[in-house]
Structures are given as C-alpha cells and as structure tokens.
Amino acid sequence: MAVPKRKTTPSKRNMRRSHHRVKSINIVEDKKSGEYRLSHHVDLKTGYYNGKKILDV
C-alpha cells in the first residue's frame, strides 16, 4: 500500500482543491423586459432569444 513519505502542506492541499469551489450562476438582466434570466436561455415571459422572437407566448 502506498504511504506518503511527508505530510502534505496546507499550500499544496489547497492548490489541489482550488477547483472544488461552488460556481456562481450566470444571471443577466433582460434588455426588453428588465427581468432576470439565465444567459443563453430563452426569456419565457416574452419569448425572445438573442433579439428574435422564438416562442409565441
């Protein structure tokens, strides 16, 4: 069984865990309605995506 020869320092331990953080959600304000929505998603209230009408609401 492999056993470490030295104790891992907090610096090395934290570098290894640097990508374990919780990512923030990318929320943007819609230009037409002023509502908040996820970026790269259709605004369900107006039916617009990227300035074009996609859904009939």
C-alpha atoms as a PDB file:
ATOM      1  CA  MET A   1       0.000   0.000   0.000  1.00  0.00           C
ATOM      2  CA  ALA A   2       1.332   3.437  -0.909  1.00  0.00           C
ATOM      3  CA  VAL A   3       2.060   5.654   2.074  1.00  0.00           C
ATOM      4  CA  PRO A   4       3.137   9.302   1.765  1.00  0.00           C
ATOM      5  CA  LYS A   5       6.671   9.949   2.975  1.00  0.00           C
ATOM      6  CA  ARG A   6       5.963  13.530   4.069  1.00  0.00           C
ATOM      7  CA  LYS A   7       2.932  15.411   5.354  1.00  0.00           C
ATOM      8  CA  THR A   8       1.188  17.413   2.625  1.00  0.00           C
ATOM      9  CA  THR A   9       1.477  21.118   3.348  1.00  0.00           C
ATOM     10  CA  PRO A  10      -1.686  23.249   3.527  1.00  0.00           C
ATOM     11  CA  SER A  11      -0.477  25.183   0.471  1.00  0.00           C
ATOM     12  CA  LYS A  12      -0.234  22.053  -1.695  1.00  0.00           C
ATOM     13  CA  ARG A  13      -3.521  20.702  -0.313  1.00  0.00           C
ATOM     14  CA  ASN A  14      -5.322  23.968  -1.132  1.00  0.00           C
ATOM     15  CA  MET A  15      -3.809  24.106  -4.636  1.00  0.00           C
ATOM     16  CA  ARG A  16      -5.217  20.653  -5.304  1.00  0.00           C
ATOM     17  CA  ARG A  17      -8.653  21.746  -4.094  1.00  0.00           C
ATOM     18  CA  SER A  18      -8.677  25.042  -5.992  1.00  0.00           C
ATOM     19  CA  HIS A  19     -11.320  23.872  -8.492  1.00  0.00           C
ATOM     20  CA  HIS A  20     -13.677  22.424  -5.833  1.00  0.00           C
ATOM     21  CA  ARG A  21     -15.459  25.740  -5.285  1.00  0.00           C
ATOM     22  CA  VAL A  22     -19.147  26.293  -5.966  1.00  0.00           C
ATOM     23  CA  LYS A  23     -19.597  28.099  -9.268  1.00  0.00           C
ATOM     24  CA  SER A  24     -21.842  31.136  -9.468  1.00  0.00           C
ATOM     25  CA  ILE A  25     -24.888  31.113 -11.723  1.00  0.00           C
ATOM     26  CA  ASN A  26     -24.670  33.459 -14.713  1.00  0.00           C
ATOM     27  CA  ILE A  27     -27.792  35.617 -14.312  1.00  0.00           C
ATOM     28  CA  VAL A  28     -28.306  38.618 -16.601  1.00  0.00           C
ATOM     29  CA  GLU A  29     -30.985  41.294 -16.851  1.00  0.00           C
ATOM     30  CA  ASP A  30     -33.142  41.074 -19.965  1.00  0.00           C
ATOM     31  CA  LYS A  31     -32.964  44.238 -22.084  1.00  0.00           C
ATOM     32  CA  LYS A  32     -36.602  44.226 -23.215  1.00  0.00           C
ATOM     33  CA  SER A  33     -38.498  43.198 -20.073  1.00  0.00           C
ATOM     34  CA  GLY A  34     -35.975  44.040 -17.349  1.00  0.00           C
ATOM     35  CA  GLU A  35     -36.462  40.589 -15.794  1.00  0.00           C
ATOM     36  CA  TYR A  36     -33.543  38.479 -14.651  1.00  0.00           C
ATOM     37  CA  ARG A  37     -32.861  35.252 -16.571  1.00  0.00           C
ATOM     38  CA  LEU A  38     -30.067  32.784 -17.224  1.00  0.00           C
ATOM     39  CA  SER A  39     -27.790  33.844 -20.049  1.00  0.00           C
ATOM     40  CA  HIS A  40     -28.070  31.824 -23.274  1.00  0.00           C
ATOM     41  CA  HIS A  41     -31.661  30.874 -22.372  1.00  0.00           C
ATOM     42  CA  VAL A  42     -34.997  31.981 -23.843  1.00  0.00           C
ATOM     43  CA  ASP A  43     -36.905  34.572 -21.803  1.00  0.00           C
ATOM     44  CA  LEU A  44     -40.112  32.664 -21.066  1.00  0.00           C
ATOM     45  CA  LYS A  45     -42.190  35.805 -20.361  1.00  0.00           C
ATOM     46  CA  THR A  46     -41.544  37.492 -23.713  1.00  0.00           C
ATOM     47  CA  GLY A  47     -40.403  34.527 -25.839  1.00  0.00           C
ATOM     48  CA  TYR A  48     -37.327  36.350 -27.142  1.00  0.00           C
ATOM     49  CA  TYR A  49     -33.822  34.952 -27.522  1.00  0.00           C
ATOM     50  CA  ASN A  50     -30.910  36.981 -28.893  1.00  0.00           C
ATOM     51  CA  GLY A  51     -33.294  39.739 -30.005  1.00  0.00           C
ATOM     52  CA  LYS A  52     -35.525  37.409 -32.038  1.00  0.00           C
ATOM     53  CA  LYS A  53     -38.998  36.070 -31.288  1.00  0.00           C
ATOM     54  CA  ILE A  54     -38.667  32.328 -30.683  1.00  0.00           C
ATOM     55  CA  LEU A  55     -41.760  31.372 -28.667  1.00  0.00           C
ATOM     56  CA  ASP A  56     -45.357  32.505 -29.023  1.00  0.00           C
ATOM     57  CA  VAL A  57     -46.460  33.473 -25.526  1.00  0.00           C
END
